Every structure is written in structure tokens, then in C-alpha cells.
Amino acid sequence: MDTVLRRLQLTQLEILKVADEFCRKHGIKYSLYAGSLLGAVRHQGFIPWDDDLDICMARSEYERFLSAWASDPQDGYVLQNKETERGFSQSFTKIRKEHTCFLQDIDAPDKYYTGIFLDVFPIDRLPEKALKRKLFRWDCLRYQLLTREFVPPKGSFVQKTVARAILMTTPKRKRPEIRKKYLARITRYKELTNTPTIAIETFNTIRCDLPSDLLDRYTTLRFEDGEYMCFEAWDEYLTHKYGDYMQLPPEEDRAWKHHPILIDFERGYDEIAKENRTSGAVNAEGTNSVD
């Protein structure tokens, strides 16, 4: 295995251990999520070529998590989302390790911290009526757009045109307030128990309903050297998301997906930049550039 990738995974595992201990301390339920849950089931740890680590929570647990962290921040780690960092462009939360760097070409290191991270995703509920579900998804799309604040590069011509029009007609100073209104409309169904669950982090997941009982029961699964929380309905979730999830992908698809341009395990981007300004050095021990 790539030694840089493995060191990255072990650093992410450190963050997961902190998050797990924090959640257990505060009585917060979470689950390994997406590729990380798949890794737990199929590999009992990271998918060998995976370069990130994900957990998720029901929206109400997610809100409790953010509130608990605000009153009990963890030394050496930074909680980051759109509310803590205006320039951040995702609708979920990252927990980043201080004095590290994981810089992607989409990042803005002058606007927010870019350390190695764990992703924390909220899971929401759909409303009961069909018409309300259509309006809900439209609210999600607008919420995503005003969170990212750029036209989706992979969208269709129509999607890009509509997105551009919305951004052009929504002044930047008003976007935070409008985003909050959309989020309030999205989360007002969080206490329902019999409707499908939904992840709203991307334009694709907004269109994909998840099982209604996904958030009902939890268990633990082995992941690397520990046991971590996950949905008891993990088989139903993984089948829903991946189909035959025990089947390995083609060799050519077993690759990093985040494409970082700079990784450092001992310094943040600001620390690297400061050292480079004073010494003129480009590379140093612990720094790895990945194309």
C-alpha cells in the first residue's frame, strides 16, 4: 500500500477515535457511513484505496453534536462548517486535526483551515406528501447551491443555467439568511419516524431516498483496531447504495478520489507558507505533494 495513503488513513483514524469518544461521552448516536461503512463490512477497516473517513447522524443528533462541541471543544481539533467558516463550501461538518494539511485544488486555504479531516454528515427525513417531497428536494437544491456558492461543474446545461441565475439574483450579503430559511424548512421533518431518510450533501444524494428505519437501531462493527457505531440495518443500506457491495470494483477504479495537491502530517498550510516565506524551502520532512 502507498505509505502516504496509509499514514493519511491512520491520521483519520485518530480523528475518528476522538469523535467516537466524544459521542459516547455525550450520548450521541452516529454511524460509519458510505465508503467507511463499506470498508468496515468488506475489509474490517479502510477500503485499501480510500482516502477519507465518513460518519453520519440523524439531524437531531447532528445538532446535539454541534452544540456539545461548542461547549466542549476537543484540544488539537477544529470543528468546521459553513457557520464557523464563511468561505467553507459544504453543507456538512468536518473535524480537522490541527498542525496537518490536506489541500485540494477546490480549497481556499486563505479562508479556512485545510487540515486532515473526518466528515460528519446529517441525515434528514422526507415529508409524507408527494408534493411536499418535491418542494423539499427543491429547497435542498437551493440550500446546496447557496452553501457552495458556485455553479455545479458537472451539471447539465439547464442545471447550470438555473444555478447561475439563482446565484446572480441572490446578493452575497443575503445568502446566509436565505440559507437558514431553507435549512429550517428542510429540517422541520426531522422528528418523523415513518418516512424515508435522505442525505442532502450532494445533488445526487438529494434524489436518492434511504430506508425509513435506517436511524432506528444501532450496533458496532470492527474498523481497523476498534469497534465503532453503525446502523444495525447496514446490509440494507449498503445494498441500497452499492448493490452487490462485496464485489470489488475494477482495478482501474481503485484510486484516491480527493486528489490532494499537498499533504503534511506535522504542519498546517499557514505554517508551511510561513516557513517557505522565511527560508525559501519548498519541501520538508513530513510534507508530501500528491498529483
C-alpha atoms as a PDB file:
ATOM      1  CA  MET A   1       0.000   0.000   0.000  1.00  0.00           C
ATOM      2  CA  ASP A   2       1.072   3.575  -0.661  1.00  0.00           C
ATOM      3  CA  THR A   3       2.832   4.658   2.545  1.00  0.00           C
ATOM      4  CA  VAL A   4       1.451   8.216   2.296  1.00  0.00           C
ATOM      5  CA  LEU A   5      -2.110   6.911   1.911  1.00  0.00           C
ATOM      6  CA  ARG A   6      -1.725   4.572   4.865  1.00  0.00           C
ATOM      7  CA  ARG A   7      -0.349   7.337   7.048  1.00  0.00           C
ATOM      8  CA  LEU A   8      -3.289   9.509   5.986  1.00  0.00           C
ATOM      9  CA  GLN A   9      -5.747   6.747   6.917  1.00  0.00           C
ATOM     10  CA  LEU A  10      -4.162   6.277  10.339  1.00  0.00           C
ATOM     11  CA  THR A  11      -4.370  10.028  10.970  1.00  0.00           C
ATOM     12  CA  GLN A  12      -8.047   9.970  10.024  1.00  0.00           C
ATOM     13  CA  LEU A  13      -8.487   7.026  12.366  1.00  0.00           C
ATOM     14  CA  GLU A  14      -7.078   9.181  15.183  1.00  0.00           C
ATOM     15  CA  ILE A  15      -9.814  11.729  14.490  1.00  0.00           C
ATOM     16  CA  LEU A  16     -12.478   9.006  14.430  1.00  0.00           C
ATOM     17  CA  LYS A  17     -11.330   7.808  17.858  1.00  0.00           C
ATOM     18  CA  VAL A  18     -11.694  11.338  19.215  1.00  0.00           C
ATOM     19  CA  ALA A  19     -15.171  11.684  17.651  1.00  0.00           C
ATOM     20  CA  ASP A  20     -16.243   8.267  18.933  1.00  0.00           C
ATOM     21  CA  GLU A  21     -15.128   9.039  22.488  1.00  0.00           C
ATOM     22  CA  PHE A  22     -16.825  12.444  22.292  1.00  0.00           C
ATOM     23  CA  CYS A  23     -20.121  10.961  21.051  1.00  0.00           C
ATOM     24  CA  ARG A  24     -20.141   8.263  23.717  1.00  0.00           C
ATOM     25  CA  LYS A  25     -19.401  10.852  26.400  1.00  0.00           C
ATOM     26  CA  HIS A  26     -22.365  12.978  25.286  1.00  0.00           C
ATOM     27  CA  GLY A  27     -24.726  10.110  24.443  1.00  0.00           C
ATOM     28  CA  ILE A  28     -24.816  10.885  20.722  1.00  0.00           C
ATOM     29  CA  LYS A  29     -25.602   8.138  18.201  1.00  0.00           C
ATOM     30  CA  TYR A  30     -23.658   8.025  14.950  1.00  0.00           C
ATOM     31  CA  SER A  31     -22.809   5.535  12.234  1.00  0.00           C
ATOM     32  CA  LEU A  32     -19.881   4.819   9.995  1.00  0.00           C
ATOM     33  CA  TYR A  33     -21.097   5.995   6.603  1.00  0.00           C
ATOM     34  CA  ALA A  34     -20.772   5.438   2.868  1.00  0.00           C
ATOM     35  CA  GLY A  35     -17.378   4.020   1.884  1.00  0.00           C
ATOM     36  CA  SER A  36     -16.245   3.856   5.504  1.00  0.00           C
ATOM     37  CA  LEU A  37     -19.194   1.622   6.415  1.00  0.00           C
ATOM     38  CA  LEU A  38     -18.489  -0.462   3.327  1.00  0.00           C
ATOM     39  CA  GLY A  39     -14.867  -0.700   4.433  1.00  0.00           C
ATOM     40  CA  ALA A  40     -15.913  -1.916   7.885  1.00  0.00           C
ATOM     41  CA  VAL A  41     -18.070  -4.683   6.407  1.00  0.00           C
ATOM     42  CA  ARG A  42     -15.888  -5.769   3.479  1.00  0.00           C
ATOM     43  CA  HIS A  43     -12.376  -5.045   4.815  1.00  0.00           C
ATOM     44  CA  GLN A  44     -12.860  -4.633   8.596  1.00  0.00           C
ATOM     45  CA  GLY A  45     -11.213  -1.240   8.161  1.00  0.00           C
ATOM     46  CA  PHE A  46     -10.435   1.219   5.401  1.00  0.00           C
ATOM     47  CA  ILE A  47     -11.073   0.257   1.812  1.00  0.00           C
ATOM     48  CA  PRO A  48      -7.384  -0.071   0.836  1.00  0.00           C
ATOM     49  CA  TRP A  49      -7.536   2.791  -1.680  1.00  0.00           C
ATOM     50  CA  ASP A  50      -9.933   5.051   0.275  1.00  0.00           C
ATOM     51  CA  ASP A  51      -8.567   8.488   1.238  1.00  0.00           C
ATOM     52  CA  ASP A  52     -11.317   9.744   3.547  1.00  0.00           C
ATOM     53  CA  LEU A  53     -13.391   8.682   6.548  1.00  0.00           C
ATOM     54  CA  ASP A  54     -17.108   9.398   6.988  1.00  0.00           C
ATOM     55  CA  ILE A  55     -19.660   9.191   9.771  1.00  0.00           C
ATOM     56  CA  CYS A  56     -23.279  10.330   9.816  1.00  0.00           C
ATOM     57  CA  MET A  57     -26.009  11.146  12.328  1.00  0.00           C
ATOM     58  CA  ALA A  58     -29.725  11.783  12.381  1.00  0.00           C
ATOM     59  CA  ARG A  59     -30.294  15.533  12.077  1.00  0.00           C
ATOM     60  CA  SER A  60     -31.325  15.837  15.734  1.00  0.00           C
ATOM     61  CA  GLU A  61     -28.164  14.017  16.841  1.00  0.00           C
ATOM     62  CA  TYR A  62     -26.092  16.154  14.477  1.00  0.00           C
ATOM     63  CA  GLU A  63     -27.475  19.313  16.064  1.00  0.00           C
ATOM     64  CA  ARG A  64     -26.684  17.932  19.523  1.00  0.00           C
ATOM     65  CA  PHE A  65     -23.168  17.081  18.324  1.00  0.00           C
ATOM     66  CA  LEU A  66     -22.534  20.649  17.147  1.00  0.00           C
ATOM     67  CA  SER A  67     -23.941  22.107  20.359  1.00  0.00           C
ATOM     68  CA  ALA A  68     -21.921  19.757  22.555  1.00  0.00           C
ATOM     69  CA  TRP A  69     -18.704  20.511  20.670  1.00  0.00           C
ATOM     70  CA  ALA A  70     -19.275  24.246  21.051  1.00  0.00           C
ATOM     71  CA  SER A  71     -19.342  23.827  24.834  1.00  0.00           C
ATOM     72  CA  ASP A  72     -16.761  21.048  24.977  1.00  0.00           C
ATOM     73  CA  PRO A  73     -14.235  21.579  22.129  1.00  0.00           C
ATOM     74  CA  GLN A  74     -11.552  18.931  21.767  1.00  0.00           C
ATOM     75  CA  ASP A  75      -7.949  20.061  22.082  1.00  0.00           C
ATOM     76  CA  GLY A  76      -5.970  19.654  18.886  1.00  0.00           C
ATOM     77  CA  TYR A  77      -9.014  19.509  16.603  1.00  0.00           C
ATOM     78  CA  VAL A  78     -11.113  22.044  14.703  1.00  0.00           C
ATOM     79  CA  LEU A  79     -14.840  21.705  14.002  1.00  0.00           C
ATOM     80  CA  GLN A  80     -15.600  23.335  10.670  1.00  0.00           C
ATOM     81  CA  ASN A  81     -18.747  24.016   8.675  1.00  0.00           C
ATOM     82  CA  LYS A  82     -20.429  26.852   6.799  1.00  0.00           C
ATOM     83  CA  GLU A  83     -21.482  28.513  10.048  1.00  0.00           C
ATOM     84  CA  THR A  84     -17.971  28.530  11.535  1.00  0.00           C
ATOM     85  CA  GLU A  85     -16.163  29.418   8.280  1.00  0.00           C
ATOM     86  CA  ARG A  86     -17.950  31.709   5.805  1.00  0.00           C
ATOM     87  CA  GLY A  87     -15.750  30.573   2.927  1.00  0.00           C
ATOM     88  CA  PHE A  88     -16.432  26.861   3.525  1.00  0.00           C
ATOM     89  CA  SER A  89     -18.439  25.317   0.698  1.00  0.00           C
ATOM     90  CA  GLN A  90     -20.010  22.139   2.081  1.00  0.00           C
ATOM     91  CA  SER A  91     -23.338  21.515   3.819  1.00  0.00           C
ATOM     92  CA  PHE A  92     -21.894  19.111   6.390  1.00  0.00           C
ATOM     93  CA  THR A  93     -19.193  19.326   9.057  1.00  0.00           C
ATOM     94  CA  LYS A  94     -15.518  18.426   9.083  1.00  0.00           C
ATOM     95  CA  ILE A  95     -13.409  17.676  12.130  1.00  0.00           C
ATOM     96  CA  ARG A  96      -9.841  18.610  11.209  1.00  0.00           C
ATOM     97  CA  LYS A  97      -6.637  17.780  13.050  1.00  0.00           C
ATOM     98  CA  GLU A  98      -4.518  20.794  13.912  1.00  0.00           C
ATOM     99  CA  HIS A  99      -0.975  21.080  12.516  1.00  0.00           C
ATOM    100  CA  THR A 100      -1.791  18.989   9.449  1.00  0.00           C
ATOM    101  CA  CYS A 101      -2.571  19.830   5.838  1.00  0.00           C
ATOM    102  CA  PHE A 102      -4.795  18.176   3.242  1.00  0.00           C
ATOM    103  CA  LEU A 103      -5.067  20.736   0.468  1.00  0.00           C
ATOM    104  CA  GLN A 104      -7.274  20.129  -2.570  1.00  0.00           C
ATOM    105  CA  ASP A 105      -7.455  22.297  -5.659  1.00  0.00           C
ATOM    106  CA  ILE A 106     -11.009  23.360  -4.671  1.00  0.00           C
ATOM    107  CA  ASP A 107      -9.875  24.548  -1.234  1.00  0.00           C
ATOM    108  CA  ALA A 108      -9.287  28.148  -0.207  1.00  0.00           C
ATOM    109  CA  PRO A 109      -6.569  27.963   2.483  1.00  0.00           C
ATOM    110  CA  ASP A 110      -6.682  31.735   2.926  1.00  0.00           C
ATOM    111  CA  LYS A 111     -10.346  31.463   4.011  1.00  0.00           C
ATOM    112  CA  TYR A 112     -10.427  28.339   6.195  1.00  0.00           C
ATOM    113  CA  TYR A 113      -8.220  25.699   7.770  1.00  0.00           C
ATOM    114  CA  THR A 114      -7.351  22.764   5.495  1.00  0.00           C
ATOM    115  CA  GLY A 115      -6.110  20.064   7.865  1.00  0.00           C
ATOM    116  CA  ILE A 116      -6.656  16.308   7.562  1.00  0.00           C
ATOM    117  CA  PHE A 117     -10.306  15.617   8.315  1.00  0.00           C
ATOM    118  CA  LEU A 118     -13.199  13.384   9.299  1.00  0.00           C
ATOM    119  CA  ASP A 119     -16.514  14.139   7.565  1.00  0.00           C
ATOM    120  CA  VAL A 120     -19.707  14.295   9.664  1.00  0.00           C
ATOM    121  CA  PHE A 121     -22.964  14.153   7.688  1.00  0.00           C
ATOM    122  CA  PRO A 122     -26.547  14.838   8.853  1.00  0.00           C
ATOM    123  CA  ILE A 123     -29.345  12.518   7.747  1.00  0.00           C
ATOM    124  CA  ASP A 124     -32.786  14.092   7.269  1.00  0.00           C
ATOM    125  CA  ARG A 125     -36.381  12.934   6.812  1.00  0.00           C
ATOM    126  CA  LEU A 126     -38.652  13.399   3.843  1.00  0.00           C
ATOM    127  CA  PRO A 127     -42.159  14.800   4.386  1.00  0.00           C
ATOM    128  CA  GLU A 128     -45.153  12.493   3.971  1.00  0.00           C
ATOM    129  CA  LYS A 129     -46.946  14.019   0.962  1.00  0.00           C
ATOM    130  CA  ALA A 130     -45.668  13.676  -2.616  1.00  0.00           C
ATOM    131  CA  LEU A 131     -45.993  17.391  -3.423  1.00  0.00           C
ATOM    132  CA  LYS A 132     -44.189  18.355  -0.223  1.00  0.00           C
ATOM    133  CA  ARG A 133     -41.396  15.948  -1.157  1.00  0.00           C
ATOM    134  CA  LYS A 134     -40.914  17.733  -4.471  1.00  0.00           C
ATOM    135  CA  LEU A 135     -40.770  21.087  -2.704  1.00  0.00           C
ATOM    136  CA  PHE A 136     -38.406  19.593  -0.114  1.00  0.00           C
ATOM    137  CA  ARG A 137     -35.934  18.466  -2.795  1.00  0.00           C
ATOM    138  CA  TRP A 138     -36.113  21.871  -4.455  1.00  0.00           C
ATOM    139  CA  ASP A 139     -35.331  23.518  -1.107  1.00  0.00           C
ATOM    140  CA  CYS A 140     -32.386  21.103  -0.711  1.00  0.00           C
ATOM    141  CA  LEU A 141     -31.006  22.008  -4.128  1.00  0.00           C
ATOM    142  CA  ARG A 142     -31.234  25.734  -3.432  1.00  0.00           C
ATOM    143  CA  TYR A 143     -29.714  25.229   0.009  1.00  0.00           C
ATOM    144  CA  GLN A 144     -26.813  23.322  -1.542  1.00  0.00           C
ATOM    145  CA  LEU A 145     -26.292  25.971  -4.190  1.00  0.00           C
ATOM    146  CA  LEU A 146     -26.226  28.854  -1.688  1.00  0.00           C
ATOM    147  CA  THR A 147     -23.867  26.843   0.510  1.00  0.00           C
ATOM    148  CA  ARG A 148     -21.403  26.050  -2.264  1.00  0.00           C
ATOM    149  CA  GLU A 149     -21.842  29.415  -3.961  1.00  0.00           C
ATOM    150  CA  PHE A 150     -20.627  28.215  -7.334  1.00  0.00           C
ATOM    151  CA  VAL A 151     -22.267  26.661 -10.399  1.00  0.00           C
ATOM    152  CA  PRO A 152     -22.011  22.835 -10.290  1.00  0.00           C
ATOM    153  CA  PRO A 153     -19.305  21.908 -12.822  1.00  0.00           C
ATOM    154  CA  LYS A 154     -20.848  18.520 -13.676  1.00  0.00           C
ATOM    155  CA  GLY A 155     -24.445  19.645 -14.051  1.00  0.00           C
ATOM    156  CA  SER A 156     -26.480  19.703 -17.257  1.00  0.00           C
ATOM    157  CA  PHE A 157     -26.850  22.870 -19.317  1.00  0.00           C
ATOM    158  CA  VAL A 158     -30.271  23.520 -17.744  1.00  0.00           C
ATOM    159  CA  GLN A 159     -28.973  22.906 -14.216  1.00  0.00           C
ATOM    160  CA  LYS A 160     -26.037  25.232 -14.751  1.00  0.00           C
ATOM    161  CA  THR A 161     -28.266  27.917 -16.261  1.00  0.00           C
ATOM    162  CA  VAL A 162     -30.740  27.791 -13.354  1.00  0.00           C
ATOM    163  CA  ALA A 163     -27.895  27.732 -10.792  1.00  0.00           C
ATOM    164  CA  ARG A 164     -26.195  30.704 -12.411  1.00  0.00           C
ATOM    165  CA  ALA A 165     -29.465  32.666 -12.437  1.00  0.00           C
ATOM    166  CA  ILE A 166     -30.100  31.948  -8.737  1.00  0.00           C
ATOM    167  CA  LEU A 167     -26.598  32.990  -7.725  1.00  0.00           C
ATOM    168  CA  MET A 168     -26.720  36.136  -9.851  1.00  0.00           C
ATOM    169  CA  THR A 169     -30.045  37.224  -8.309  1.00  0.00           C
ATOM    170  CA  THR A 170     -29.114  36.403  -4.696  1.00  0.00           C
ATOM    171  CA  PRO A 171     -26.744  39.022  -3.218  1.00  0.00           C
ATOM    172  CA  LYS A 172     -23.895  37.530  -1.203  1.00  0.00           C
ATOM    173  CA  ARG A 173     -24.820  39.516   1.879  1.00  0.00           C
ATOM    174  CA  LYS A 174     -28.289  37.914   1.906  1.00  0.00           C
ATOM    175  CA  ARG A 175     -27.204  34.317   1.284  1.00  0.00           C
ATOM    176  CA  PRO A 176     -26.590  33.328   4.931  1.00  0.00           C
ATOM    177  CA  GLU A 177     -30.092  34.429   5.962  1.00  0.00           C
ATOM    178  CA  ILE A 178     -31.727  32.719   2.972  1.00  0.00           C
ATOM    179  CA  ARG A 179     -29.740  29.532   3.600  1.00  0.00           C
ATOM    180  CA  LYS A 180     -31.043  29.448   7.176  1.00  0.00           C
ATOM    181  CA  LYS A 181     -34.620  29.699   5.928  1.00  0.00           C
ATOM    182  CA  TYR A 182     -34.103  26.763   3.555  1.00  0.00           C
ATOM    183  CA  LEU A 183     -32.422  24.725   6.284  1.00  0.00           C
ATOM    184  CA  ALA A 184     -35.322  25.385   8.662  1.00  0.00           C
ATOM    185  CA  ARG A 185     -37.732  24.108   6.022  1.00  0.00           C
ATOM    186  CA  ILE A 186     -35.585  21.043   5.342  1.00  0.00           C
ATOM    187  CA  THR A 187     -35.184  20.061   8.996  1.00  0.00           C
ATOM    188  CA  ARG A 188     -38.780  20.552  10.153  1.00  0.00           C
ATOM    189  CA  TYR A 189     -39.484  16.872   9.373  1.00  0.00           C
ATOM    190  CA  LYS A 190     -36.618  15.503  11.477  1.00  0.00           C
ATOM    191  CA  GLU A 191     -38.900  14.061  14.172  1.00  0.00           C
ATOM    192  CA  LEU A 192     -40.889  11.901  11.736  1.00  0.00           C
ATOM    193  CA  THR A 193     -40.251   8.180  12.086  1.00  0.00           C
ATOM    194  CA  ASN A 194     -42.107   6.514   9.206  1.00  0.00           C
ATOM    195  CA  THR A 195     -40.868   8.391   6.133  1.00  0.00           C
ATOM    196  CA  PRO A 196     -37.731   7.694   4.069  1.00  0.00           C
ATOM    197  CA  THR A 197     -34.468   9.139   5.266  1.00  0.00           C
ATOM    198  CA  ILE A 198     -32.310  11.224   2.965  1.00  0.00           C
ATOM    199  CA  ALA A 199     -28.787  12.618   2.807  1.00  0.00           C
ATOM    200  CA  ILE A 200     -28.633  16.097   1.318  1.00  0.00           C
ATOM    201  CA  GLU A 201     -24.868  16.554   0.947  1.00  0.00           C
ATOM    202  CA  THR A 202     -24.759  16.387  -2.875  1.00  0.00           C
ATOM    203  CA  PHE A 203     -27.090  16.915  -5.803  1.00  0.00           C
ATOM    204  CA  ASN A 204     -27.072  13.131  -6.374  1.00  0.00           C
ATOM    205  CA  THR A 205     -27.925  12.096  -2.803  1.00  0.00           C
ATOM    206  CA  ILE A 206     -30.827  14.578  -2.718  1.00  0.00           C
ATOM    207  CA  ARG A 207     -32.510  12.419  -5.368  1.00  0.00           C
ATOM    208  CA  CYS A 208     -31.886   9.136  -3.529  1.00  0.00           C
ATOM    209  CA  ASP A 209     -34.239   8.045  -0.728  1.00  0.00           C
ATOM    210  CA  LEU A 210     -32.786   5.879   2.040  1.00  0.00           C
ATOM    211  CA  PRO A 211     -34.610   3.276   4.179  1.00  0.00           C
ATOM    212  CA  SER A 212     -37.140   4.684   6.651  1.00  0.00           C
ATOM    213  CA  ASP A 213     -35.809   2.531   9.518  1.00  0.00           C
ATOM    214  CA  LEU A 214     -32.167   3.421   8.898  1.00  0.00           C
ATOM    215  CA  LEU A 215     -31.888   5.535  12.050  1.00  0.00           C
ATOM    216  CA  ASP A 216     -33.873   3.248  14.358  1.00  0.00           C
ATOM    217  CA  ARG A 217     -31.276   0.818  15.727  1.00  0.00           C
ATOM    218  CA  TYR A 218     -27.501   0.791  16.088  1.00  0.00           C
ATOM    219  CA  THR A 219     -24.788  -1.784  16.629  1.00  0.00           C
ATOM    220  CA  THR A 220     -20.997  -1.797  16.348  1.00  0.00           C
ATOM    221  CA  LEU A 221     -18.645  -3.098  13.677  1.00  0.00           C
ATOM    222  CA  ARG A 222     -14.927  -3.722  13.620  1.00  0.00           C
ATOM    223  CA  PHE A 223     -12.968  -0.983  11.906  1.00  0.00           C
ATOM    224  CA  GLU A 224      -9.174  -1.303  11.971  1.00  0.00           C
ATOM    225  CA  ASP A 225      -8.217  -1.742  15.647  1.00  0.00           C
ATOM    226  CA  GLY A 226     -11.511  -0.755  17.249  1.00  0.00           C
ATOM    227  CA  GLU A 227     -15.295  -1.139  17.362  1.00  0.00           C
ATOM    228  CA  TYR A 228     -17.392   1.779  16.111  1.00  0.00           C
ATOM    229  CA  MET A 229     -21.089   2.587  15.893  1.00  0.00           C
ATOM    230  CA  CYS A 230     -23.091   1.844  12.769  1.00  0.00           C
ATOM    231  CA  PHE A 231     -26.649   1.297  11.596  1.00  0.00           C
ATOM    232  CA  GLU A 232     -27.984  -2.108  12.530  1.00  0.00           C
ATOM    233  CA  ALA A 233     -29.530  -2.080   9.039  1.00  0.00           C
ATOM    234  CA  TRP A 234     -26.075  -1.764   7.437  1.00  0.00           C
ATOM    235  CA  ASP A 235     -26.736  -4.566   4.933  1.00  0.00           C
ATOM    236  CA  GLU A 236     -29.930  -2.878   3.708  1.00  0.00           C
ATOM    237  CA  TYR A 237     -28.147   0.473   3.428  1.00  0.00           C
ATOM    238  CA  LEU A 238     -25.100  -0.880   1.597  1.00  0.00           C
ATOM    239  CA  THR A 239     -27.245  -2.919  -0.808  1.00  0.00           C
ATOM    240  CA  HIS A 240     -29.388   0.158  -1.466  1.00  0.00           C
ATOM    241  CA  LYS A 241     -26.325   2.304  -2.152  1.00  0.00           C
ATOM    242  CA  TYR A 242     -23.892  -0.084  -3.848  1.00  0.00           C
ATOM    243  CA  GLY A 243     -25.828  -3.164  -4.981  1.00  0.00           C
ATOM    244  CA  ASP A 244     -23.504  -6.186  -4.686  1.00  0.00           C
ATOM    245  CA  TYR A 245     -21.228  -4.365  -2.285  1.00  0.00           C
ATOM    246  CA  MET A 246     -18.928  -7.335  -1.625  1.00  0.00           C
ATOM    247  CA  GLN A 247     -17.824  -7.257  -5.260  1.00  0.00           C
ATOM    248  CA  LEU A 248     -14.576  -5.326  -5.677  1.00  0.00           C
ATOM    249  CA  PRO A 249     -14.533  -2.572  -8.323  1.00  0.00           C
ATOM    250  CA  PRO A 250     -12.319  -2.859 -11.427  1.00  0.00           C
ATOM    251  CA  GLU A 251      -8.620  -2.369 -10.788  1.00  0.00           C
ATOM    252  CA  GLU A 252      -8.602   0.977 -12.600  1.00  0.00           C
ATOM    253  CA  ASP A 253     -11.227   2.376 -10.201  1.00  0.00           C
ATOM    254  CA  ARG A 254      -9.232   1.594  -7.073  1.00  0.00           C
ATOM    255  CA  ALA A 255      -7.739   5.040  -6.617  1.00  0.00           C
ATOM    256  CA  TRP A 256      -7.784   8.164  -4.443  1.00  0.00           C
ATOM    257  CA  LYS A 257     -10.880  10.277  -5.033  1.00  0.00           C
ATOM    258  CA  HIS A 258      -9.965  13.598  -3.388  1.00  0.00           C
ATOM    259  CA  HIS A 259      -6.770  14.298  -5.359  1.00  0.00           C
ATOM    260  CA  PRO A 260      -4.933  16.424  -2.765  1.00  0.00           C
ATOM    261  CA  ILE A 261      -2.182  18.642  -4.083  1.00  0.00           C
ATOM    262  CA  LEU A 262      -0.443  18.868  -0.707  1.00  0.00           C
ATOM    263  CA  ILE A 263      -0.419  16.676   2.395  1.00  0.00           C
ATOM    264  CA  ASP A 264       1.519  17.363   5.559  1.00  0.00           C
ATOM    265  CA  PHE A 265       1.252  15.385   8.781  1.00  0.00           C
ATOM    266  CA  GLU A 266       3.024  17.870  11.037  1.00  0.00           C
ATOM    267  CA  ARG A 267       2.186  21.385   9.791  1.00  0.00           C
ATOM    268  CA  GLY A 268      -0.836  23.316   8.627  1.00  0.00           C
ATOM    269  CA  TYR A 269      -0.850  25.206   5.330  1.00  0.00           C
ATOM    270  CA  ASP A 270      -0.216  28.517   7.107  1.00  0.00           C
ATOM    271  CA  GLU A 271       2.779  27.024   8.899  1.00  0.00           C
ATOM    272  CA  ILE A 272       4.177  25.667   5.625  1.00  0.00           C
ATOM    273  CA  ALA A 273       3.638  29.011   3.872  1.00  0.00           C
ATOM    274  CA  LYS A 274       5.326  30.901   6.699  1.00  0.00           C
ATOM    275  CA  GLU A 275       8.354  28.591   6.632  1.00  0.00           C
ATOM    276  CA  ASN A 276       8.593  28.859   2.866  1.00  0.00           C
ATOM    277  CA  ARG A 277       8.486  32.661   3.015  1.00  0.00           C
ATOM    278  CA  THR A 278      11.280  32.798   5.565  1.00  0.00           C
ATOM    279  CA  SER A 279      13.506  30.041   4.201  1.00  0.00           C
ATOM    280  CA  GLY A 280      12.567  29.723   0.541  1.00  0.00           C
ATOM    281  CA  ALA A 281      12.214  25.972   1.068  1.00  0.00           C
ATOM    282  CA  VAL A 282       9.647  24.067  -0.970  1.00  0.00           C
ATOM    283  CA  ASN A 283       9.833  20.611   0.577  1.00  0.00           C
ATOM    284  CA  ALA A 284      10.453  19.458   4.113  1.00  0.00           C
ATOM    285  CA  GLU A 285      10.234  16.240   6.069  1.00  0.00           C
ATOM    286  CA  GLY A 286       6.613  15.247   6.589  1.00  0.00           C
ATOM    287  CA  THR A 287       5.360  17.080   3.505  1.00  0.00           C
ATOM    288  CA  ASN A 288       4.024  15.170   0.559  1.00  0.00           C
ATOM    289  CA  SER A 289       2.729  16.570  -2.693  1.00  0.00           C
ATOM    290  CA  VAL A 290       0.237  14.336  -4.492  1.00  0.00           C
ATOM    291  CA  ASP A 291      -0.760  14.989  -8.083  1.00  0.00           C
END
